[in-house]
PDB file of N, CA and C in Angstrom:
ATOM      1  N   UNK A   1      42.892 -36.424 -73.296  1.00  0.00           N
ATOM      2  CA  UNK A   1      43.210 -37.649 -72.616  1.00  0.00           C
ATOM      3  C   UNK A   1      42.094 -37.965 -71.624  1.00  0.00           C
ATOM      4  N   UNK A   2      41.409 -39.067 -71.763  1.00  0.00           N
ATOM      5  CA  UNK A   2      40.309 -39.415 -70.864  1.00  0.00           C
ATOM      6  C   UNK A   2      40.814 -39.795 -69.467  1.00  0.00           C
ATOM      7  N   UNK A   3      39.999 -39.479 -68.492  1.00  0.00           N
ATOM      8  CA  UNK A   3      40.309 -39.795 -67.093  1.00  0.00           C
ATOM      9  C   UNK A   3      39.321 -40.854 -66.621  1.00  0.00           C
ATOM     10  N   UNK A   4      39.827 -41.885 -66.029  1.00  0.00           N
ATOM     11  CA  UNK A   4      38.969 -42.928 -65.471  1.00  0.00           C
ATOM     12  C   UNK A   4      38.588 -42.553 -64.043  1.00  0.00           C
ATOM     13  N   UNK A   5      37.311 -42.576 -63.788  1.00  0.00           N
ATOM     14  CA  UNK A   5      36.802 -42.228 -62.461  1.00  0.00           C
ATOM     15  C   UNK A   5      36.097 -43.443 -61.885  1.00  0.00           C
ATOM     16  N   UNK A   6      36.437 -43.736 -60.653  1.00  0.00           N
ATOM     17  CA  UNK A   6      35.811 -44.854 -59.967  1.00  0.00           C
ATOM     18  C   UNK A   6      34.984 -44.304 -58.800  1.00  0.00           C
ATOM     19  N   UNK A   7      33.688 -44.376 -58.885  1.00  0.00           N
ATOM     20  CA  UNK A   7      32.789 -43.841 -57.853  1.00  0.00           C
ATOM     21  C   UNK A   7      32.686 -44.812 -56.689  1.00  0.00           C
ATOM     22  N   UNK A   8      32.679 -44.251 -55.473  1.00  0.00           N
ATOM     23  CA  UNK A   8      32.524 -45.041 -54.257  1.00  0.00           C
ATOM     24  C   UNK A   8      31.219 -44.641 -53.567  1.00  0.00           C
ATOM     25  N   UNK A   9      30.732 -45.469 -52.698  1.00  0.00           N
ATOM     26  CA  UNK A   9      29.517 -45.179 -51.937  1.00  0.00           C
ATOM     27  C   UNK A   9      29.842 -44.478 -50.623  1.00  0.00           C
ATOM     28  N   UNK A  10      30.680 -43.472 -50.682  1.00  0.00           N
ATOM     29  CA  UNK A  10      31.064 -42.715 -49.485  1.00  0.00           C
ATOM     30  C   UNK A  10      30.409 -41.343 -49.557  1.00  0.00           C
ATOM     31  N   UNK A  11      29.768 -40.938 -48.471  1.00  0.00           N
ATOM     32  CA  UNK A  11      29.139 -39.623 -48.394  1.00  0.00           C
ATOM     33  C   UNK A  11      29.855 -38.768 -47.351  1.00  0.00           C
ATOM     34  N   UNK A  12      30.084 -37.519 -47.670  1.00  0.00           N
ATOM     35  CA  UNK A  12      30.630 -36.568 -46.720  1.00  0.00           C
ATOM     36  C   UNK A  12      29.476 -35.713 -46.207  1.00  0.00           C
ATOM     37  N   UNK A  13      29.226 -35.782 -44.914  1.00  0.00           N
ATOM     38  CA  UNK A  13      28.137 -35.027 -44.325  1.00  0.00           C
ATOM     39  C   UNK A  13      28.681 -34.145 -43.204  1.00  0.00           C
ATOM     40  N   UNK A  14      28.037 -33.002 -42.961  1.00  0.00           N
ATOM     41  CA  UNK A  14      28.523 -32.105 -41.908  1.00  0.00           C
ATOM     42  C   UNK A  14      28.349 -32.709 -40.520  1.00  0.00           C
ATOM     43  N   UNK A  15      29.248 -32.363 -39.626  1.00  0.00           N
ATOM     44  CA  UNK A  15      29.201 -32.829 -38.248  1.00  0.00           C
ATOM     45  C   UNK A  15      29.033 -31.596 -37.356  1.00  0.00           C
ATOM     46  N   UNK A  16      27.835 -31.411 -36.826  1.00  0.00           N
ATOM     47  CA  UNK A  16      27.549 -30.207 -36.037  1.00  0.00           C
ATOM     48  C   UNK A  16      28.343 -30.146 -34.736  1.00  0.00           C
ATOM     49  N   UNK A  17      28.969 -31.234 -34.342  1.00  0.00           N
ATOM     50  CA  UNK A  17      29.772 -31.216 -33.119  1.00  0.00           C
ATOM     51  C   UNK A  17      31.158 -30.621 -33.382  1.00  0.00           C
ATOM     52  N   UNK A  18      31.484 -30.382 -34.634  1.00  0.00           N
ATOM     53  CA  UNK A  18      32.781 -29.805 -34.997  1.00  0.00           C
ATOM     54  C   UNK A  18      32.546 -28.410 -35.555  1.00  0.00           C
ATOM     55  N   UNK A  19      32.556 -27.460 -34.671  1.00  0.00           N
ATOM     56  CA  UNK A  19      32.295 -26.073 -35.041  1.00  0.00           C
ATOM     57  C   UNK A  19      33.520 -25.241 -34.711  1.00  0.00           C
ATOM     58  N   UNK A  20      33.852 -24.331 -35.608  1.00  0.00           N
ATOM     59  CA  UNK A  20      34.976 -23.428 -35.367  1.00  0.00           C
ATOM     60  C   UNK A  20      34.409 -22.095 -34.897  1.00  0.00           C
ATOM     61  N   UNK A  21      34.934 -21.581 -33.813  1.00  0.00           N
ATOM     62  CA  UNK A  21      34.462 -20.305 -33.257  1.00  0.00           C
ATOM     63  C   UNK A  21      35.125 -19.159 -34.017  1.00  0.00           C
ATOM     64  N   UNK A  22      34.605 -18.899 -35.191  1.00  0.00           N
ATOM     65  CA  UNK A  22      35.165 -17.871 -36.060  1.00  0.00           C
ATOM     66  C   UNK A  22      34.189 -16.713 -36.149  1.00  0.00           C
ATOM     67  N   UNK A  23      34.714 -15.514 -36.216  1.00  0.00           N
ATOM     68  CA  UNK A  23      33.870 -14.335 -36.346  1.00  0.00           C
ATOM     69  C   UNK A  23      33.203 -14.344 -37.711  1.00  0.00           C
ATOM     70  N   UNK A  24      31.892 -14.229 -37.723  1.00  0.00           N
ATOM     71  CA  UNK A  24      31.145 -14.154 -38.971  1.00  0.00           C
ATOM     72  C   UNK A  24      30.694 -12.721 -39.167  1.00  0.00           C
ATOM     73  N   UNK A  25      31.344 -12.045 -40.085  1.00  0.00           N
ATOM     74  CA  UNK A  25      30.979 -10.661 -40.395  1.00  0.00           C
ATOM     75  C   UNK A  25      30.537 -10.621 -41.846  1.00  0.00           C
ATOM     76  N   UNK A  26      29.235 -10.456 -42.062  1.00  0.00           N
ATOM     77  CA  UNK A  26      28.738 -10.399 -43.432  1.00  0.00           C
ATOM     78  C   UNK A  26      28.601  -8.950 -43.899  1.00  0.00           C
ATOM     79  N   UNK A  27      28.032  -8.107 -43.043  1.00  0.00           N
ATOM     80  CA  UNK A  27      27.952  -6.684 -43.376  1.00  0.00           C
ATOM     81  C   UNK A  27      27.627  -5.879 -42.120  1.00  0.00           C
ATOM     82  N   UNK A  28      27.817  -4.580 -42.222  1.00  0.00           N
ATOM     83  CA  UNK A  28      27.649  -3.681 -41.081  1.00  0.00           C
ATOM     84  C   UNK A  28      26.210  -3.702 -40.549  1.00  0.00           C
ATOM     85  N   UNK A  29      25.237  -3.658 -41.436  1.00  0.00           N
ATOM     86  CA  UNK A  29      23.832  -3.585 -41.018  1.00  0.00           C
ATOM     87  C   UNK A  29      23.425  -4.819 -40.213  1.00  0.00           C
ATOM     88  N   UNK A  30      23.810  -5.981 -40.699  1.00  0.00           N
ATOM     89  CA  UNK A  30      23.466  -7.226 -39.993  1.00  0.00           C
ATOM     90  C   UNK A  30      24.102  -7.248 -38.610  1.00  0.00           C
ATOM     91  N   UNK A  31      25.359  -6.840 -38.544  1.00  0.00           N
ATOM     92  CA  UNK A  31      26.068  -6.834 -37.260  1.00  0.00           C
ATOM     93  C   UNK A  31      25.426  -5.863 -36.285  1.00  0.00           C
ATOM     94  N   UNK A  32      25.080  -4.667 -36.764  1.00  0.00           N
ATOM     95  CA  UNK A  32      24.425  -3.693 -35.888  1.00  0.00           C
ATOM     96  C   UNK A  32      23.054  -4.186 -35.434  1.00  0.00           C
ATOM     97  N   UNK A  33      22.326  -4.834 -36.316  1.00  0.00           N
ATOM     98  CA  UNK A  33      21.020  -5.389 -35.936  1.00  0.00           C
ATOM     99  C   UNK A  33      21.176  -6.422 -34.817  1.00  0.00           C
ATOM    100  N   UNK A  34      22.196  -7.277 -34.917  1.00  0.00           N
ATOM    101  CA  UNK A  34      22.428  -8.279 -33.874  1.00  0.00           C
ATOM    102  C   UNK A  34      22.820  -7.627 -32.548  1.00  0.00           C
ATOM    103  N   UNK A  35      23.662  -6.611 -32.621  1.00  0.00           N
ATOM    104  CA  UNK A  35      24.086  -5.908 -31.407  1.00  0.00           C
ATOM    105  C   UNK A  35      22.876  -5.246 -30.743  1.00  0.00           C
ATOM    106  N   UNK A  36      22.042  -4.603 -31.540  1.00  0.00           N
ATOM    107  CA  UNK A  36      20.847  -3.938 -30.987  1.00  0.00           C
ATOM    108  C   UNK A  36      19.865  -4.959 -30.416  1.00  0.00           C
ATOM    109  N   UNK A  37      19.781  -6.115 -31.042  1.00  0.00           N
ATOM    110  CA  UNK A  37      18.914  -7.183 -30.539  1.00  0.00           C
ATOM    111  C   UNK A  37      19.370  -7.636 -29.156  1.00  0.00           C
ATOM    112  N   UNK A  38      20.669  -7.824 -28.991  1.00  0.00           N
ATOM    113  CA  UNK A  38      21.208  -8.236 -27.688  1.00  0.00           C
ATOM    114  C   UNK A  38      20.955  -7.137 -26.654  1.00  0.00           C
ATOM    115  N   UNK A  39      21.141  -5.884 -27.047  1.00  0.00           N
ATOM    116  CA  UNK A  39      20.925  -4.773 -26.107  1.00  0.00           C
ATOM    117  C   UNK A  39      19.462  -4.678 -25.667  1.00  0.00           C
ATOM    118  N   UNK A  40      18.549  -5.091 -26.534  1.00  0.00           N
ATOM    119  CA  UNK A  40      17.123  -4.990 -26.225  1.00  0.00           C
ATOM    120  C   UNK A  40      16.626  -6.102 -25.307  1.00  0.00           C
ATOM    121  N   UNK A  41      17.402  -7.159 -25.147  1.00  0.00           N
ATOM    122  CA  UNK A  41      16.987  -8.265 -24.277  1.00  0.00           C
ATOM    123  C   UNK A  41      16.988  -7.831 -22.815  1.00  0.00           C
ATOM    124  N   UNK A  42      16.088  -8.386 -22.044  1.00  0.00           N
ATOM    125  CA  UNK A  42      16.089  -8.125 -20.606  1.00  0.00           C
ATOM    126  C   UNK A  42      17.316  -8.816 -20.010  1.00  0.00           C
ATOM    127  N   UNK A  43      17.798  -8.331 -18.862  1.00  0.00           N
ATOM    128  CA  UNK A  43      18.942  -9.003 -18.236  1.00  0.00           C
ATOM    129  C   UNK A  43      18.698 -10.492 -17.985  1.00  0.00           C
ATOM    130  N   UNK A  44      17.476 -10.841 -17.623  1.00  0.00           N
ATOM    131  CA  UNK A  44      17.159 -12.251 -17.379  1.00  0.00           C
ATOM    132  C   UNK A  44      17.282 -13.058 -18.668  1.00  0.00           C
ATOM    133  N   UNK A  45      16.743 -12.522 -19.773  1.00  0.00           N
ATOM    134  CA  UNK A  45      16.803 -13.221 -21.057  1.00  0.00           C
ATOM    135  C   UNK A  45      18.246 -13.289 -21.576  1.00  0.00           C
ATOM    136  N   UNK A  46      19.034 -12.245 -21.313  1.00  0.00           N
ATOM    137  CA  UNK A  46      20.448 -12.257 -21.689  1.00  0.00           C
ATOM    138  C   UNK A  46      21.167 -13.410 -20.988  1.00  0.00           C
ATOM    139  N   UNK A  47      20.902 -13.554 -19.703  1.00  0.00           N
ATOM    140  CA  UNK A  47      21.548 -14.611 -18.933  1.00  0.00           C
ATOM    141  C   UNK A  47      21.118 -15.986 -19.423  1.00  0.00           C
ATOM    142  N   UNK A  48      19.831 -16.133 -19.728  1.00  0.00           N
ATOM    143  CA  UNK A  48      19.334 -17.412 -20.249  1.00  0.00           C
ATOM    144  C   UNK A  48      19.998 -17.752 -21.585  1.00  0.00           C
ATOM    145  N   UNK A  49      20.068 -16.760 -22.477  1.00  0.00           N
ATOM    146  CA  UNK A  49      20.686 -16.978 -23.789  1.00  0.00           C
ATOM    147  C   UNK A  49      22.169 -17.285 -23.647  1.00  0.00           C
ATOM    148  N   UNK A  50      22.844 -16.567 -22.769  1.00  0.00           N
ATOM    149  CA  UNK A  50      24.271 -16.795 -22.553  1.00  0.00           C
ATOM    150  C   UNK A  50      24.519 -18.196 -22.002  1.00  0.00           C
ATOM    151  N   UNK A  51      23.704 -18.613 -21.052  1.00  0.00           N
ATOM    152  CA  UNK A  51      23.834 -19.960 -20.484  1.00  0.00           C
ATOM    153  C   UNK A  51      23.665 -21.013 -21.565  1.00  0.00           C
ATOM    154  N   UNK A  52      22.690 -20.813 -22.435  1.00  0.00           N
ATOM    155  CA  UNK A  52      22.433 -21.757 -23.516  1.00  0.00           C
ATOM    156  C   UNK A  52      23.609 -21.810 -24.507  1.00  0.00           C
ATOM    157  N   UNK A  53      24.123 -20.658 -24.883  1.00  0.00           N
ATOM    158  CA  UNK A  53      25.255 -20.603 -25.818  1.00  0.00           C
ATOM    159  C   UNK A  53      26.492 -21.254 -25.209  1.00  0.00           C
ATOM    160  N   UNK A  54      26.783 -20.917 -23.959  1.00  0.00           N
ATOM    161  CA  UNK A  54      27.963 -21.489 -23.309  1.00  0.00           C
ATOM    162  C   UNK A  54      27.826 -22.995 -23.124  1.00  0.00           C
ATOM    163  N   UNK A  55      26.620 -23.455 -22.814  1.00  0.00           N
ATOM    164  CA  UNK A  55      26.389 -24.892 -22.665  1.00  0.00           C
ATOM    165  C   UNK A  55      26.656 -25.609 -23.988  1.00  0.00           C
ATOM    166  N   UNK A  56      26.253 -24.989 -25.079  1.00  0.00           N
ATOM    167  CA  UNK A  56      26.430 -25.614 -26.396  1.00  0.00           C
ATOM    168  C   UNK A  56      27.877 -25.596 -26.878  1.00  0.00           C
ATOM    169  N   UNK A  57      28.624 -24.546 -26.549  1.00  0.00           N
ATOM    170  CA  UNK A  57      29.948 -24.378 -27.141  1.00  0.00           C
ATOM    171  C   UNK A  57      31.125 -24.626 -26.203  1.00  0.00           C
ATOM    172  N   UNK A  58      30.931 -24.535 -24.907  1.00  0.00           N
ATOM    173  CA  UNK A  58      32.074 -24.614 -23.989  1.00  0.00           C
ATOM    174  C   UNK A  58      32.761 -25.976 -23.993  1.00  0.00           C
ATOM    175  N   UNK A  59      32.035 -27.024 -24.310  1.00  0.00           N
ATOM    176  CA  UNK A  59      32.657 -28.354 -24.351  1.00  0.00           C
ATOM    177  C   UNK A  59      33.549 -28.517 -25.575  1.00  0.00           C
ATOM    178  N   UNK A  60      33.267 -27.748 -26.616  1.00  0.00           N
ATOM    179  CA  UNK A  60      34.021 -27.869 -27.863  1.00  0.00           C
ATOM    180  C   UNK A  60      35.152 -26.856 -27.978  1.00  0.00           C
ATOM    181  N   UNK A  61      35.084 -25.780 -27.195  1.00  0.00           N
ATOM    182  CA  UNK A  61      36.075 -24.706 -27.315  1.00  0.00           C
ATOM    183  C   UNK A  61      36.564 -24.276 -25.951  1.00  0.00           C
ATOM    184  N   UNK A  62      37.856 -24.297 -25.795  1.00  0.00           N
ATOM    185  CA  UNK A  62      38.456 -23.797 -24.563  1.00  0.00           C
ATOM    186  C   UNK A  62      38.337 -22.273 -24.555  1.00  0.00           C
ATOM    187  N   UNK A  63      37.989 -21.690 -23.454  1.00  0.00           N
ATOM    188  CA  UNK A  63      37.888 -20.229 -23.287  1.00  0.00           C
ATOM    189  C   UNK A  63      36.944 -19.598 -24.302  1.00  0.00           C
ATOM    190  N   UNK A  64      35.799 -20.200 -24.521  1.00  0.00           N
ATOM    191  CA  UNK A  64      34.860 -19.685 -25.517  1.00  0.00           C
ATOM    192  C   UNK A  64      34.376 -18.281 -25.166  1.00  0.00           C
ATOM    193  N   UNK A  65      34.224 -17.978 -23.887  1.00  0.00           N
ATOM    194  CA  UNK A  65      33.789 -16.637 -23.490  1.00  0.00           C
ATOM    195  C   UNK A  65      34.800 -15.593 -23.941  1.00  0.00           C
ATOM    196  N   UNK A  66      36.069 -15.888 -23.779  1.00  0.00           N
ATOM    197  CA  UNK A  66      37.118 -14.948 -24.200  1.00  0.00           C
ATOM    198  C   UNK A  66      37.139 -14.791 -25.715  1.00  0.00           C
ATOM    199  N   UNK A  67      36.896 -15.869 -26.429  1.00  0.00           N
ATOM    200  CA  UNK A  67      36.842 -15.800 -27.894  1.00  0.00           C
ATOM    201  C   UNK A  67      35.703 -14.888 -28.323  1.00  0.00           C
ATOM    202  N   UNK A  68      34.518 -15.068 -27.717  1.00  0.00           N
ATOM    203  CA  UNK A  68      33.370 -14.240 -28.065  1.00  0.00           C
ATOM    204  C   UNK A  68      33.614 -12.773 -27.686  1.00  0.00           C
ATOM    205  N   UNK A  69      34.278 -12.551 -26.570  1.00  0.00           N
ATOM    206  CA  UNK A  69      34.556 -11.178 -26.157  1.00  0.00           C
ATOM    207  C   UNK A  69      35.542 -10.511 -27.124  1.00  0.00           C
ATOM    208  N   UNK A  70      36.514 -11.264 -27.617  1.00  0.00           N
ATOM    209  CA  UNK A  70      37.437 -10.731 -28.632  1.00  0.00           C
ATOM    210  C   UNK A  70      36.671 -10.358 -29.899  1.00  0.00           C
ATOM    211  N   UNK A  71      35.690 -11.184 -30.258  1.00  0.00           N
ATOM    212  CA  UNK A  71      34.861 -10.873 -31.427  1.00  0.00           C
ATOM    213  C   UNK A  71      34.114  -9.559 -31.208  1.00  0.00           C
ATOM    214  N   UNK A  72      33.619  -9.348 -29.991  1.00  0.00           N
ATOM    215  CA  UNK A  72      32.932  -8.091 -29.685  1.00  0.00           C
ATOM    216  C   UNK A  72      33.868  -6.907 -29.886  1.00  0.00           C
ATOM    217  N   UNK A  73      35.085  -7.021 -29.399  1.00  0.00           N
ATOM    218  CA  UNK A  73      36.037  -5.909 -29.510  1.00  0.00           C
ATOM    219  C   UNK A  73      36.398  -5.630 -30.971  1.00  0.00           C
ATOM    220  N   UNK A  74      36.387  -6.655 -31.808  1.00  0.00           N
ATOM    221  CA  UNK A  74      36.629  -6.442 -33.241  1.00  0.00           C
ATOM    222  C   UNK A  74      35.480  -5.658 -33.876  1.00  0.00           C
ATOM    223  N   UNK A  75      34.279  -5.817 -33.334  1.00  0.00           N
ATOM    224  CA  UNK A  75      33.107  -5.147 -33.878  1.00  0.00           C
ATOM    225  C   UNK A  75      32.851  -3.783 -33.233  1.00  0.00           C
ATOM    226  N   UNK A  76      33.595  -3.427 -32.208  1.00  0.00           N
ATOM    227  CA  UNK A  76      33.344  -2.200 -31.452  1.00  0.00           C
ATOM    228  C   UNK A  76      33.438  -0.949 -32.314  1.00  0.00           C
ATOM    229  N   UNK A  77      34.233  -0.983 -33.372  1.00  0.00           N
ATOM    230  CA  UNK A  77      34.342   0.184 -34.251  1.00  0.00           C
ATOM    231  C   UNK A  77      33.026   0.544 -34.927  1.00  0.00           C
ATOM    232  N   UNK A  78      32.138  -0.412 -35.066  1.00  0.00           N
ATOM    233  CA  UNK A  78      30.836  -0.151 -35.682  1.00  0.00           C
ATOM    234  C   UNK A  78      29.930   0.679 -34.777  1.00  0.00           C
ATOM    235  N   UNK A  79      30.216   0.674 -33.485  1.00  0.00           N
ATOM    236  CA  UNK A  79      29.310   1.292 -32.516  1.00  0.00           C
ATOM    237  C   UNK A  79      29.448   2.812 -32.446  1.00  0.00           C
ATOM    238  N   UNK A  80      30.642   3.339 -32.666  1.00  0.00           N
ATOM    239  CA  UNK A  80      30.887   4.780 -32.575  1.00  0.00           C
ATOM    240  C   UNK A  80      29.953   5.612 -33.434  1.00  0.00           C
ATOM    241  N   UNK A  81      29.874   5.324 -34.743  1.00  0.00           N
ATOM    242  CA  UNK A  81      28.973   6.108 -35.602  1.00  0.00           C
ATOM    243  C   UNK A  81      27.493   5.990 -35.208  1.00  0.00           C
ATOM    244  N   UNK A  82      27.150   4.973 -34.463  1.00  0.00           N
ATOM    245  CA  UNK A  82      25.766   4.774 -34.013  1.00  0.00           C
ATOM    246  C   UNK A  82      25.519   5.414 -32.643  1.00  0.00           C
ATOM    247  N   UNK A  83      26.538   6.103 -32.114  1.00  0.00           N
ATOM    248  CA  UNK A  83      26.465   6.730 -30.786  1.00  0.00           C
ATOM    249  C   UNK A  83      26.184   5.703 -29.682  1.00  0.00           C
ATOM    250  N   UNK A  84      26.781   4.538 -29.814  1.00  0.00           N
ATOM    251  CA  UNK A  84      26.667   3.494 -28.800  1.00  0.00           C
ATOM    252  C   UNK A  84      28.035   3.335 -28.172  1.00  0.00           C
ATOM    253  N   UNK A  85      28.103   3.463 -26.853  1.00  0.00           N
ATOM    254  CA  UNK A  85      29.377   3.353 -26.140  1.00  0.00           C
ATOM    255  C   UNK A  85      29.695   1.889 -25.870  1.00  0.00           C
ATOM    256  N   UNK A  86      30.798   1.370 -26.452  1.00  0.00           N
ATOM    257  CA  UNK A  86      31.160  -0.028 -26.203  1.00  0.00           C
ATOM    258  C   UNK A  86      31.405  -0.316 -24.720  1.00  0.00           C
ATOM    259  N   UNK A  87      31.774   0.703 -23.941  1.00  0.00           N
ATOM    260  CA  UNK A  87      32.003   0.524 -22.515  1.00  0.00           C
ATOM    261  C   UNK A  87      30.732   0.328 -21.719  1.00  0.00           C
ATOM    262  N   UNK A  88      29.590   0.605 -22.338  1.00  0.00           N
ATOM    263  CA  UNK A  88      28.315   0.466 -21.623  1.00  0.00           C
ATOM    264  C   UNK A  88      27.788  -0.968 -21.629  1.00  0.00           C
ATOM    265  N   UNK A  89      28.442  -1.854 -22.348  1.00  0.00           N
ATOM    266  CA  UNK A  89      27.989  -3.245 -22.436  1.00  0.00           C
ATOM    267  C   UNK A  89      28.458  -4.037 -21.221  1.00  0.00           C
ATOM    268  N   UNK A  90      27.586  -4.888 -20.738  1.00  0.00           N
ATOM    269  CA  UNK A  90      27.979  -5.818 -19.675  1.00  0.00           C
ATOM    270  C   UNK A  90      28.794  -6.943 -20.305  1.00  0.00           C
ATOM    271  N   UNK A  91      29.465  -7.712 -19.484  1.00  0.00           N
ATOM    272  CA  UNK A  91      30.231  -8.854 -19.996  1.00  0.00           C
ATOM    273  C   UNK A  91      29.317  -9.831 -20.730  1.00  0.00           C
ATOM    274  N   UNK A  92      28.130 -10.054 -20.180  1.00  0.00           N
ATOM    275  CA  UNK A  92      27.174 -10.956 -20.832  1.00  0.00           C
ATOM    276  C   UNK A  92      26.806 -10.456 -22.224  1.00  0.00           C
ATOM    277  N   UNK A  93      26.561  -9.161 -22.345  1.00  0.00           N
ATOM    278  CA  UNK A  93      26.208  -8.597 -23.642  1.00  0.00           C
ATOM    279  C   UNK A  93      27.370  -8.722 -24.628  1.00  0.00           C
ATOM    280  N   UNK A  94      28.582  -8.506 -24.153  1.00  0.00           N
ATOM    281  CA  UNK A  94      29.749  -8.618 -25.036  1.00  0.00           C
ATOM    282  C   UNK A  94      29.908 -10.043 -25.540  1.00  0.00           C
ATOM    283  N   UNK A  95      29.720 -11.003 -24.667  1.00  0.00           N
ATOM    284  CA  UNK A  95      29.883 -12.406 -25.045  1.00  0.00           C
ATOM    285  C   UNK A  95      28.777 -12.842 -26.008  1.00  0.00           C
ATOM    286  N   UNK A  96      27.551 -12.374 -25.759  1.00  0.00           N
ATOM    287  CA  UNK A  96      26.449 -12.719 -26.666  1.00  0.00           C
ATOM    288  C   UNK A  96      26.666 -12.071 -28.014  1.00  0.00           C
TER     289      UNK A  96
END
């Protein structure tokens, strides 16, 4: 049975202002690399990066810092086998 299709000139394009603060976990190695990258930043650079991230996301998400910190706690299990103490992270590092 044939189906009649009527094409319209409507395009669906992404809207970068609509972002969902969802944990992106692709694999253990990538996550550990990101954690080590944040740990390697100087405190000044950590603060600059955190300010930039919060400026970009805080208008779109209520309590974005708490959301990011929850994401850190979900990833904390990866740190034990690497001999990294999750308690040694500053709040800024956890949020980043």
